[in-house]
Amino acid sequence: MLQAQLKQKSPALASTLQQITSWEVEDRTIRFIFGSNFTAERAREHVVVLRNELRTILGTDITLDISTGKDSKQPTREAVTEDDDAIEKVKSIFRGELYTNPNTGE
């Protein structure tokens, strides 16, 4: 959904998002993880646009973190049960699961 919206407005940014290797959701923070510093930097240049598009899709403010695989946290395999509507929307957009943070247990 995010890529589809951006494809019309900014094809280059939509192409950059195709380089996301994984993503994580923790509380109201979405973390996009890229495989290279180059693509992460390209995404960071447009973080305001990305955050605004995600706000439109989710209907709530979020924090967007962009990193590479080298500096991301490794999720555990214990699924988090979360009833928060915004989190459910993110999960449906990215077709993923939420995992417990090994450092905080949340």
PDB file of N, CA and C in Angstrom:
ATOM      1  N   MET A   1       0.824  -1.189   0.000  1.00  0.00           N
ATOM      2  CA  MET A   1       0.000   0.000   0.000  1.00  0.00           C
ATOM      3  C   MET A   1       0.869   1.255   0.000  1.00  0.00           C
ATOM      4  N   LEU A   2       1.897   1.289   0.842  1.00  0.00           N
ATOM      5  CA  LEU A   2       2.797   2.439   0.889  1.00  0.00           C
ATOM      6  C   LEU A   2       3.512   2.606  -0.440  1.00  0.00           C
ATOM      7  N   GLN A   3       4.038   1.515  -0.974  1.00  0.00           N
ATOM      8  CA  GLN A   3       4.745   1.590  -2.245  1.00  0.00           C
ATOM      9  C   GLN A   3       3.812   2.022  -3.369  1.00  0.00           C
ATOM     10  N   ALA A   4       2.581   1.538  -3.349  1.00  0.00           N
ATOM     11  CA  ALA A   4       1.619   1.899  -4.396  1.00  0.00           C
ATOM     12  C   ALA A   4       1.333   3.396  -4.372  1.00  0.00           C
ATOM     13  N   GLN A   5       1.155   3.960  -3.191  1.00  0.00           N
ATOM     14  CA  GLN A   5       0.904   5.392  -3.077  1.00  0.00           C
ATOM     15  C   GLN A   5       2.112   6.191  -3.549  1.00  0.00           C
ATOM     16  N   LEU A   6       3.295   5.748  -3.160  1.00  0.00           N
ATOM     17  CA  LEU A   6       4.502   6.487  -3.518  1.00  0.00           C
ATOM     18  C   LEU A   6       4.887   6.296  -4.981  1.00  0.00           C
ATOM     19  N   LYS A   7       4.460   5.203  -5.579  1.00  0.00           N
ATOM     20  CA  LYS A   7       4.811   4.941  -6.974  1.00  0.00           C
ATOM     21  C   LYS A   7       4.311   6.063  -7.880  1.00  0.00           C
ATOM     22  N   GLN A   8       3.152   6.593  -7.563  1.00  0.00           N
ATOM     23  CA  GLN A   8       2.592   7.692  -8.348  1.00  0.00           C
ATOM     24  C   GLN A   8       3.273   9.014  -8.025  1.00  0.00           C
ATOM     25  N   LYS A   9       3.524   9.267  -6.739  1.00  0.00           N
ATOM     26  CA  LYS A   9       4.092  10.544  -6.306  1.00  0.00           C
ATOM     27  C   LYS A   9       5.598  10.620  -6.494  1.00  0.00           C
ATOM     28  N   SER A  10       6.284   9.520  -6.206  1.00  0.00           N
ATOM     29  CA  SER A  10       7.744   9.499  -6.245  1.00  0.00           C
ATOM     30  C   SER A  10       8.241   8.101  -6.617  1.00  0.00           C
ATOM     31  N   PRO A  11       8.317   7.820  -7.907  1.00  0.00           N
ATOM     32  CA  PRO A  11       8.746   6.488  -8.339  1.00  0.00           C
ATOM     33  C   PRO A  11      10.126   6.091  -7.807  1.00  0.00           C
ATOM     34  N   ALA A  12      11.041   7.049  -7.690  1.00  0.00           N
ATOM     35  CA  ALA A  12      12.383   6.731  -7.185  1.00  0.00           C
ATOM     36  C   ALA A  12      12.326   6.283  -5.732  1.00  0.00           C
ATOM     37  N   LEU A  13      11.500   6.939  -4.923  1.00  0.00           N
ATOM     38  CA  LEU A  13      11.369   6.556  -3.522  1.00  0.00           C
ATOM     39  C   LEU A  13      10.684   5.191  -3.405  1.00  0.00           C
ATOM     40  N   ALA A  14       9.680   4.950  -4.218  1.00  0.00           N
ATOM     41  CA  ALA A  14       9.015   3.637  -4.215  1.00  0.00           C
ATOM     42  C   ALA A  14      10.017   2.547  -4.576  1.00  0.00           C
ATOM     43  N   SER A  15      10.890   2.839  -5.504  1.00  0.00           N
ATOM     44  CA  SER A  15      11.935   1.880  -5.887  1.00  0.00           C
ATOM     45  C   SER A  15      12.905   1.627  -4.734  1.00  0.00           C
ATOM     46  N   THR A  16      13.232   2.677  -3.998  1.00  0.00           N
ATOM     47  CA  THR A  16      14.108   2.527  -2.833  1.00  0.00           C
ATOM     48  C   THR A  16      13.466   1.607  -1.796  1.00  0.00           C
ATOM     49  N   LEU A  17      12.166   1.743  -1.593  1.00  0.00           N
ATOM     50  CA  LEU A  17      11.472   0.909  -0.609  1.00  0.00           C
ATOM     51  C   LEU A  17      11.481  -0.562  -0.996  1.00  0.00           C
ATOM     52  N   GLN A  18      11.632  -0.853  -2.264  1.00  0.00           N
ATOM     53  CA  GLN A  18      11.725  -2.247  -2.686  1.00  0.00           C
ATOM     54  C   GLN A  18      13.007  -2.899  -2.178  1.00  0.00           C
ATOM     55  N   GLN A  19      13.951  -2.088  -1.728  1.00  0.00           N
ATOM     56  CA  GLN A  19      15.223  -2.600  -1.231  1.00  0.00           C
ATOM     57  C   GLN A  19      15.195  -2.919   0.264  1.00  0.00           C
ATOM     58  N   ILE A  20      14.042  -2.743   0.912  1.00  0.00           N
ATOM     59  CA  ILE A  20      13.911  -3.098   2.327  1.00  0.00           C
ATOM     60  C   ILE A  20      14.096  -4.602   2.459  1.00  0.00           C
ATOM     61  N   THR A  21      15.024  -5.008   3.321  1.00  0.00           N
ATOM     62  CA  THR A  21      15.267  -6.438   3.513  1.00  0.00           C
ATOM     63  C   THR A  21      14.389  -7.011   4.619  1.00  0.00           C
ATOM     64  N   SER A  22      14.028  -6.189   5.594  1.00  0.00           N
ATOM     65  CA  SER A  22      13.094  -6.592   6.639  1.00  0.00           C
ATOM     66  C   SER A  22      12.583  -5.341   7.333  1.00  0.00           C
ATOM     67  N   TRP A  23      11.629  -5.523   8.203  1.00  0.00           N
ATOM     68  CA  TRP A  23      11.075  -4.406   8.953  1.00  0.00           C
ATOM     69  C   TRP A  23      10.614  -4.918  10.306  1.00  0.00           C
ATOM     70  N   GLU A  24      10.516  -3.997  11.238  1.00  0.00           N
ATOM     71  CA  GLU A  24      10.108  -4.327  12.604  1.00  0.00           C
ATOM     72  C   GLU A  24       9.140  -3.262  13.093  1.00  0.00           C
ATOM     73  N   VAL A  25       8.258  -3.656  13.964  1.00  0.00           N
ATOM     74  CA  VAL A  25       7.338  -2.719  14.605  1.00  0.00           C
ATOM     75  C   VAL A  25       7.474  -2.919  16.105  1.00  0.00           C
ATOM     76  N   GLU A  26       7.698  -1.826  16.804  1.00  0.00           N
ATOM     77  CA  GLU A  26       7.805  -1.867  18.260  1.00  0.00           C
ATOM     78  C   GLU A  26       7.114  -0.627  18.807  1.00  0.00           C
ATOM     79  N   ASP A  27       6.076  -0.839  19.579  1.00  0.00           N
ATOM     80  CA  ASP A  27       5.238   0.254  20.064  1.00  0.00           C
ATOM     81  C   ASP A  27       4.778   1.064  18.856  1.00  0.00           C
ATOM     82  N   ARG A  28       5.089   2.324  18.809  1.00  0.00           N
ATOM     83  CA  ARG A  28       4.690   3.170  17.673  1.00  0.00           C
ATOM     84  C   ARG A  28       5.896   3.526  16.806  1.00  0.00           C
ATOM     85  N   THR A  29       6.863   2.629  16.763  1.00  0.00           N
ATOM     86  CA  THR A  29       8.047   2.815  15.926  1.00  0.00           C
ATOM     87  C   THR A  29       8.084   1.742  14.855  1.00  0.00           C
ATOM     88  N   ILE A  30       8.242   2.183  13.622  1.00  0.00           N
ATOM     89  CA  ILE A  30       8.426   1.265  12.507  1.00  0.00           C
ATOM     90  C   ILE A  30       9.874   1.389  12.079  1.00  0.00           C
ATOM     91  N   ARG A  31      10.543   0.260  11.955  1.00  0.00           N
ATOM     92  CA  ARG A  31      11.953   0.248  11.555  1.00  0.00           C
ATOM     93  C   ARG A  31      12.076  -0.456  10.213  1.00  0.00           C
ATOM     94  N   PHE A  32      12.529   0.289   9.195  1.00  0.00           N
ATOM     95  CA  PHE A  32      12.822  -0.291   7.892  1.00  0.00           C
ATOM     96  C   PHE A  32      14.304  -0.630   7.871  1.00  0.00           C
ATOM     97  N   ILE A  33      14.614  -1.857   7.509  1.00  0.00           N
ATOM     98  CA  ILE A  33      16.004  -2.305   7.493  1.00  0.00           C
ATOM     99  C   ILE A  33      16.410  -2.567   6.042  1.00  0.00           C
ATOM    100  N   PHE A  34      17.464  -1.895   5.643  1.00  0.00           N
ATOM    101  CA  PHE A  34      17.979  -2.015   4.286  1.00  0.00           C
ATOM    102  C   PHE A  34      19.267  -2.822   4.296  1.00  0.00           C
ATOM    103  N   GLY A  35      19.603  -3.405   3.165  1.00  0.00           N
ATOM    104  CA  GLY A  35      20.794  -4.227   3.055  1.00  0.00           C
ATOM    105  C   GLY A  35      22.069  -3.441   2.844  1.00  0.00           C
ATOM    106  N   SER A  36      21.949  -2.168   2.490  1.00  0.00           N
ATOM    107  CA  SER A  36      23.153  -1.367   2.259  1.00  0.00           C
ATOM    108  C   SER A  36      22.978   0.043   2.817  1.00  0.00           C
ATOM    109  N   ASN A  37      24.092   0.655   3.136  1.00  0.00           N
ATOM    110  CA  ASN A  37      24.068   2.040   3.618  1.00  0.00           C
ATOM    111  C   ASN A  37      23.543   2.983   2.544  1.00  0.00           C
ATOM    112  N   PHE A  38      23.852   2.688   1.290  1.00  0.00           N
ATOM    113  CA  PHE A  38      23.423   3.549   0.191  1.00  0.00           C
ATOM    114  C   PHE A  38      21.902   3.673   0.144  1.00  0.00           C
ATOM    115  N   THR A  39      21.194   2.544   0.145  1.00  0.00           N
ATOM    116  CA  THR A  39      19.735   2.611   0.076  1.00  0.00           C
ATOM    117  C   THR A  39      19.134   3.171   1.368  1.00  0.00           C
ATOM    118  N   ALA A  40      19.749   2.879   2.499  1.00  0.00           N
ATOM    119  CA  ALA A  40      19.267   3.444   3.764  1.00  0.00           C
ATOM    120  C   ALA A  40      19.388   4.970   3.741  1.00  0.00           C
ATOM    121  N   GLU A  41      20.487   5.469   3.226  1.00  0.00           N
ATOM    122  CA  GLU A  41      20.673   6.922   3.137  1.00  0.00           C
ATOM    123  C   GLU A  41      19.665   7.551   2.185  1.00  0.00           C
ATOM    124  N   ARG A  42      19.389   6.872   1.074  1.00  0.00           N
ATOM    125  CA  ARG A  42      18.379   7.389   0.131  1.00  0.00           C
ATOM    126  C   ARG A  42      17.023   7.483   0.815  1.00  0.00           C
ATOM    127  N   ALA A  43      16.677   6.496   1.614  1.00  0.00           N
ATOM    128  CA  ALA A  43      15.398   6.522   2.331  1.00  0.00           C
ATOM    129  C   ALA A  43      15.404   7.604   3.413  1.00  0.00           C
ATOM    130  N   ARG A  44      16.534   7.769   4.100  1.00  0.00           N
ATOM    131  CA  ARG A  44      16.622   8.786   5.160  1.00  0.00           C
ATOM    132  C   ARG A  44      16.404  10.194   4.603  1.00  0.00           C
ATOM    133  N   GLU A  45      16.810  10.406   3.358  1.00  0.00           N
ATOM    134  CA  GLU A  45      16.611  11.712   2.728  1.00  0.00           C
ATOM    135  C   GLU A  45      15.122  12.046   2.584  1.00  0.00           C
ATOM    136  N   HIS A  46      14.277  11.028   2.627  1.00  0.00           N
ATOM    137  CA  HIS A  46      12.838  11.216   2.430  1.00  0.00           C
ATOM    138  C   HIS A  46      12.025  10.774   3.643  1.00  0.00           C
ATOM    139  N   VAL A  47      12.644  10.788   4.811  1.00  0.00           N
ATOM    140  CA  VAL A  47      11.972  10.278   6.006  1.00  0.00           C
ATOM    141  C   VAL A  47      10.701  11.061   6.327  1.00  0.00           C
ATOM    142  N   VAL A  48      10.683  12.350   6.070  1.00  0.00           N
ATOM    143  CA  VAL A  48       9.482  13.149   6.360  1.00  0.00           C
ATOM    144  C   VAL A  48       8.332  12.713   5.453  1.00  0.00           C
ATOM    145  N   VAL A  49       8.624  12.500   4.172  1.00  0.00           N
ATOM    146  CA  VAL A  49       7.601  12.045   3.235  1.00  0.00           C
ATOM    147  C   VAL A  49       7.079  10.667   3.651  1.00  0.00           C
ATOM    148  N   LEU A  50       7.989   9.768   3.982  1.00  0.00           N
ATOM    149  CA  LEU A  50       7.595   8.416   4.402  1.00  0.00           C
ATOM    150  C   LEU A  50       6.729   8.457   5.654  1.00  0.00           C
ATOM    151  N   ARG A  51       7.145   9.246   6.633  1.00  0.00           N
ATOM    152  CA  ARG A  51       6.391   9.343   7.876  1.00  0.00           C
ATOM    153  C   ARG A  51       4.986   9.912   7.611  1.00  0.00           C
ATOM    154  N   ASN A  52       4.892  10.915   6.741  1.00  0.00           N
ATOM    155  CA  ASN A  52       3.589  11.492   6.419  1.00  0.00           C
ATOM    156  C   ASN A  52       2.687  10.490   5.703  1.00  0.00           C
ATOM    157  N   GLU A  53       3.245   9.720   4.779  1.00  0.00           N
ATOM    158  CA  GLU A  53       2.457   8.705   4.080  1.00  0.00           C
ATOM    159  C   GLU A  53       1.978   7.627   5.055  1.00  0.00           C
ATOM    160  N   LEU A  54       2.858   7.193   5.946  1.00  0.00           N
ATOM    161  CA  LEU A  54       2.459   6.193   6.944  1.00  0.00           C
ATOM    162  C   LEU A  54       1.396   6.757   7.882  1.00  0.00           C
ATOM    163  N   ARG A  55       1.501   8.022   8.251  1.00  0.00           N
ATOM    164  CA  ARG A  55       0.485   8.655   9.100  1.00  0.00           C
ATOM    165  C   ARG A  55      -0.866   8.641   8.391  1.00  0.00           C
ATOM    166  N   THR A  56      -0.865   8.922   7.093  1.00  0.00           N
ATOM    167  CA  THR A  56      -2.109   8.909   6.320  1.00  0.00           C
ATOM    168  C   THR A  56      -2.710   7.511   6.282  1.00  0.00           C
ATOM    169  N   ILE A  57      -1.884   6.505   6.060  1.00  0.00           N
ATOM    170  CA  ILE A  57      -2.355   5.126   5.975  1.00  0.00           C
ATOM    171  C   ILE A  57      -2.860   4.630   7.328  1.00  0.00           C
ATOM    172  N   LEU A  58      -2.090   4.909   8.389  1.00  0.00           N
ATOM    173  CA  LEU A  58      -2.399   4.359   9.706  1.00  0.00           C
ATOM    174  C   LEU A  58      -3.368   5.211  10.512  1.00  0.00           C
ATOM    175  N   GLY A  59      -3.446   6.488  10.182  1.00  0.00           N
ATOM    176  CA  GLY A  59      -4.313   7.379  10.930  1.00  0.00           C
ATOM    177  C   GLY A  59      -3.755   7.778  12.282  1.00  0.00           C
ATOM    178  N   THR A  60      -2.442   7.616  12.464  1.00  0.00           N
ATOM    179  CA  THR A  60      -1.805   7.983  13.724  1.00  0.00           C
ATOM    180  C   THR A  60      -0.338   8.325  13.466  1.00  0.00           C
ATOM    181  N   ASP A  61       0.240   9.112  14.365  1.00  0.00           N
ATOM    182  CA  ASP A  61       1.655   9.446  14.250  1.00  0.00           C
ATOM    183  C   ASP A  61       2.504   8.247  14.648  1.00  0.00           C
ATOM    184  N   ILE A  62       3.601   8.095  13.945  1.00  0.00           N
ATOM    185  CA  ILE A  62       4.549   7.019  14.243  1.00  0.00           C
ATOM    186  C   ILE A  62       5.959   7.600  14.200  1.00  0.00           C
ATOM    187  N   THR A  63       6.889   6.838  14.740  1.00  0.00           N
ATOM    188  CA  THR A  63       8.304   7.151  14.595  1.00  0.00           C
ATOM    189  C   THR A  63       8.840   6.206  13.542  1.00  0.00           C
ATOM    190  N   LEU A  64       9.612   6.733  12.609  1.00  0.00           N
ATOM    191  CA  LEU A  64      10.179   5.907  11.559  1.00  0.00           C
ATOM    192  C   LEU A  64      11.685   5.865  11.735  1.00  0.00           C
ATOM    193  N   ASP A  65      12.204   4.655  11.850  1.00  0.00           N
ATOM    194  CA  ASP A  65      13.637   4.435  11.998  1.00  0.00           C
ATOM    195  C   ASP A  65      14.126   3.704  10.757  1.00  0.00           C
ATOM    196  N   ILE A  66      15.180   4.211  10.155  1.00  0.00           N
ATOM    197  CA  ILE A  66      15.753   3.590   8.966  1.00  0.00           C
ATOM    198  C   ILE A  66      17.166   3.161   9.301  1.00  0.00           C
ATOM    199  N   SER A  67      17.454   1.876   9.085  1.00  0.00           N
ATOM    200  CA  SER A  67      18.771   1.364   9.445  1.00  0.00           C
ATOM    201  C   SER A  67      19.206   0.309   8.443  1.00  0.00           C
ATOM    202  N   THR A  68      20.411  -0.194   8.640  1.00  0.00           N
ATOM    203  CA  THR A  68      20.901  -1.312   7.831  1.00  0.00           C
ATOM    204  C   THR A  68      20.894  -2.551   8.709  1.00  0.00           C
ATOM    205  N   GLY A  69      21.046  -3.693   8.108  1.00  0.00           N
ATOM    206  CA  GLY A  69      21.051  -4.945   8.848  1.00  0.00           C
ATOM    207  C   GLY A  69      22.115  -4.991   9.914  1.00  0.00           C
ATOM    208  N   LYS A  70      23.173  -4.213   9.741  1.00  0.00           N
ATOM    209  CA  LYS A  70      24.280  -4.219  10.694  1.00  0.00           C
ATOM    210  C   LYS A  70      23.904  -3.600  12.032  1.00  0.00           C
ATOM    211  N   ASP A  71      22.987  -2.607  12.010  1.00  0.00           N
ATOM    212  CA  ASP A  71      22.681  -1.926  13.263  1.00  0.00           C
ATOM    213  C   ASP A  71      21.244  -2.144  13.728  1.00  0.00           C
ATOM    214  N   SER A  72      20.595  -3.192  13.253  1.00  0.00           N
ATOM    215  CA  SER A  72      19.227  -3.464  13.701  1.00  0.00           C
ATOM    216  C   SER A  72      19.223  -4.505  14.807  1.00  0.00           C
ATOM    217  N   LYS A  73      18.147  -4.504  15.556  1.00  0.00           N
ATOM    218  CA  LYS A  73      17.972  -5.502  16.613  1.00  0.00           C
ATOM    219  C   LYS A  73      17.471  -6.787  15.990  1.00  0.00           C
ATOM    220  N   GLN A  74      17.836  -7.913  16.542  1.00  0.00           N
ATOM    221  CA  GLN A  74      17.337  -9.194  16.070  1.00  0.00           C
ATOM    222  C   GLN A  74      16.105  -9.563  16.895  1.00  0.00           C
ATOM    223  N   PRO A  75      14.953  -9.767  16.243  1.00  0.00           N
ATOM    224  CA  PRO A  75      13.757 -10.129  16.995  1.00  0.00           C
ATOM    225  C   PRO A  75      13.817 -11.571  17.464  1.00  0.00           C
ATOM    226  N   THR A  76      13.124 -11.849  18.551  1.00  0.00           N
ATOM    227  CA  THR A  76      13.004 -13.232  18.989  1.00  0.00           C
ATOM    228  C   THR A  76      11.851 -13.862  18.229  1.00  0.00           C
ATOM    229  N   ARG A  77      11.627 -15.131  18.392  1.00  0.00           N
ATOM    230  CA  ARG A  77      10.563 -15.820  17.670  1.00  0.00           C
ATOM    231  C   ARG A  77       9.265 -15.884  18.451  1.00  0.00           C
ATOM    232  N   GLU A  78       9.195 -15.277  19.612  1.00  0.00           N
ATOM    233  CA  GLU A  78       7.967 -15.268  20.396  1.00  0.00           C
ATOM    234  C   GLU A  78       7.059 -14.162  19.882  1.00  0.00           C
ATOM    235  N   ALA A  79       5.922 -14.528  19.336  1.00  0.00           N
ATOM    236  CA  ALA A  79       5.006 -13.547  18.768  1.00  0.00           C
ATOM    237  C   ALA A  79       4.384 -12.695  19.868  1.00  0.00           C
ATOM    238  N   VAL A  80       4.192 -11.440  19.585  1.00  0.00           N
ATOM    239  CA  VAL A  80       3.553 -10.518  20.513  1.00  0.00           C
ATOM    240  C   VAL A  80       2.080 -10.451  20.162  1.00  0.00           C
ATOM    241  N   THR A  81       1.225 -10.530  21.137  1.00  0.00           N
ATOM    242  CA  THR A  81      -0.193 -10.338  20.884  1.00  0.00           C
ATOM    243  C   THR A  81      -0.507  -8.890  21.184  1.00  0.00           C
ATOM    244  N   GLU A  82      -1.069  -8.202  20.213  1.00  0.00           N
ATOM    245  CA  GLU A  82      -1.303  -6.762  20.335  1.00  0.00           C
ATOM    246  C   GLU A  82      -2.642  -6.442  19.691  1.00  0.00           C
ATOM    247  N   ASP A  83      -3.513  -5.763  20.415  1.00  0.00           N
ATOM    248  CA  ASP A  83      -4.824  -5.422  19.899  1.00  0.00           C
ATOM    249  C   ASP A  83      -4.899  -3.998  19.374  1.00  0.00           C
ATOM    250  N   ASP A  84      -3.834  -3.272  19.441  1.00  0.00           N
ATOM    251  CA  ASP A  84      -3.807  -1.883  19.008  1.00  0.00           C
ATOM    252  C   ASP A  84      -4.138  -1.800  17.510  1.00  0.00           C
ATOM    253  N   ASP A  85      -5.129  -0.995  17.145  1.00  0.00           N
ATOM    254  CA  ASP A  85      -5.572  -0.892  15.757  1.00  0.00           C
ATOM    255  C   ASP A  85      -4.458  -0.429  14.823  1.00  0.00           C
ATOM    256  N   ALA A  86      -3.659   0.543  15.256  1.00  0.00           N
ATOM    257  CA  ALA A  86      -2.576   1.038  14.406  1.00  0.00           C
ATOM    258  C   ALA A  86      -1.563  -0.061  14.116  1.00  0.00           C
ATOM    259  N   ILE A  87      -1.246  -0.852  15.124  1.00  0.00           N
ATOM    260  CA  ILE A  87      -0.292  -1.947  14.934  1.00  0.00           C
ATOM    261  C   ILE A  87      -0.889  -2.987  13.994  1.00  0.00           C
ATOM    262  N   GLU A  88      -2.160  -3.269  14.132  1.00  0.00           N
ATOM    263  CA  GLU A  88      -2.808  -4.230  13.245  1.00  0.00           C
ATOM    264  C   GLU A  88      -2.781  -3.751  11.798  1.00  0.00           C
ATOM    265  N   LYS A  89      -2.961  -2.443  11.592  1.00  0.00           N
ATOM    266  CA  LYS A  89      -2.890  -1.907  10.233  1.00  0.00           C
ATOM    267  C   LYS A  89      -1.496  -2.093   9.650  1.00  0.00           C
ATOM    268  N   VAL A  90      -0.472  -1.814  10.460  1.00  0.00           N
ATOM    269  CA  VAL A  90       0.905  -1.981   9.988  1.00  0.00           C
ATOM    270  C   VAL A  90       1.145  -3.438   9.626  1.00  0.00           C
ATOM    271  N   LYS A  91       0.700  -4.336  10.475  1.00  0.00           N
ATOM    272  CA  LYS A  91       0.896  -5.761  10.208  1.00  0.00           C
ATOM    273  C   LYS A  91       0.215  -6.172   8.910  1.00  0.00           C
ATOM    274  N   SER A  92      -0.978  -5.643   8.653  1.00  0.00           N
ATOM    275  CA  SER A  92      -1.670  -6.026   7.430  1.00  0.00           C
ATOM    276  C   SER A  92      -1.016  -5.409   6.200  1.00  0.00           C
ATOM    277  N   ILE A  93      -0.487  -4.202   6.337  1.00  0.00           N
ATOM    278  CA  ILE A  93       0.181  -3.549   5.210  1.00  0.00           C
ATOM    279  C   ILE A  93       1.426  -4.316   4.811  1.00  0.00           C
ATOM    280  N   PHE A  94       2.207  -4.732   5.783  1.00  0.00           N
ATOM    281  CA  PHE A  94       3.472  -5.390   5.503  1.00  0.00           C
ATOM    282  C   PHE A  94       3.392  -6.905   5.609  1.00  0.00           C
ATOM    283  N   ARG A  95       2.196  -7.428   5.917  1.00  0.00           N
ATOM    284  CA  ARG A  95       1.969  -8.868   6.019  1.00  0.00           C
ATOM    285  C   ARG A  95       2.985  -9.550   6.937  1.00  0.00           C
ATOM    286  N   GLY A  96       3.148  -9.018   8.106  1.00  0.00           N
ATOM    287  CA  GLY A  96       4.142  -9.571   9.013  1.00  0.00           C
ATOM    288  C   GLY A  96       3.598  -9.864  10.388  1.00  0.00           C
ATOM    289  N   GLU A  97       4.498 -10.290  11.257  1.00  0.00           N
ATOM    290  CA  GLU A  97       4.184 -10.539  12.646  1.00  0.00           C
ATOM    291  C   GLU A  97       5.025  -9.623  13.512  1.00  0.00           C
ATOM    292  N   LEU A  98       4.542  -9.389  14.714  1.00  0.00           N
ATOM    293  CA  LEU A  98       5.310  -8.629  15.688  1.00  0.00           C
ATOM    294  C   LEU A  98       6.055  -9.609  16.570  1.00  0.00           C
ATOM    295  N   TYR A  99       7.251  -9.253  16.972  1.00  0.00           N
ATOM    296  CA  TYR A  99       8.049 -10.115  17.814  1.00  0.00           C
ATOM    297  C   TYR A  99       8.451  -9.377  19.072  1.00  0.00           C
ATOM    298  N   THR A 100       8.715 -10.135  20.101  1.00  0.00           N
ATOM    299  CA  THR A 100       9.130  -9.568  21.369  1.00  0.00           C
ATOM    300  C   THR A 100      10.559  -9.045  21.269  1.00  0.00           C
ATOM    301  N   ASN A 101      10.785  -7.880  21.829  1.00  0.00           N
ATOM    302  CA  ASN A 101      12.123  -7.306  21.883  1.00  0.00           C
ATOM    303  C   ASN A 101      12.918  -8.088  22.925  1.00  0.00           C
ATOM    304  N   PRO A 102      14.044  -8.692  22.544  1.00  0.00           N
ATOM    305  CA  PRO A 102      14.799  -9.511  23.496  1.00  0.00           C
ATOM    306  C   PRO A 102      15.406  -8.685  24.636  1.00  0.00           C
ATOM    307  N   ASN A 103      15.571  -7.391  24.426  1.00  0.00           N
ATOM    308  CA  ASN A 103      16.183  -6.545  25.456  1.00  0.00           C
ATOM    309  C   ASN A 103      15.182  -6.100  26.517  1.00  0.00           C
ATOM    310  N   THR A 104      13.938  -5.874  26.103  1.00  0.00           N
ATOM    311  CA  THR A 104      12.953  -5.364  27.060  1.00  0.00           C
ATOM    312  C   THR A 104      11.871  -6.365  27.392  1.00  0.00           C
ATOM    313  N   GLY A 105      11.718  -7.406  26.569  1.00  0.00           N
ATOM    314  CA  GLY A 105      10.670  -8.388  26.794  1.00  0.00           C
ATOM    315  C   GLY A 105       9.303  -7.904  26.361  1.00  0.00           C
ATOM    316  N   GLU A 106       9.243  -6.753  25.721  1.00  0.00           N
ATOM    317  CA  GLU A 106       7.964  -6.194  25.263  1.00  0.00           C
ATOM    318  C   GLU A 106       7.667  -6.617  23.854  1.00  0.00           C
TER     319      GLU A 106
END
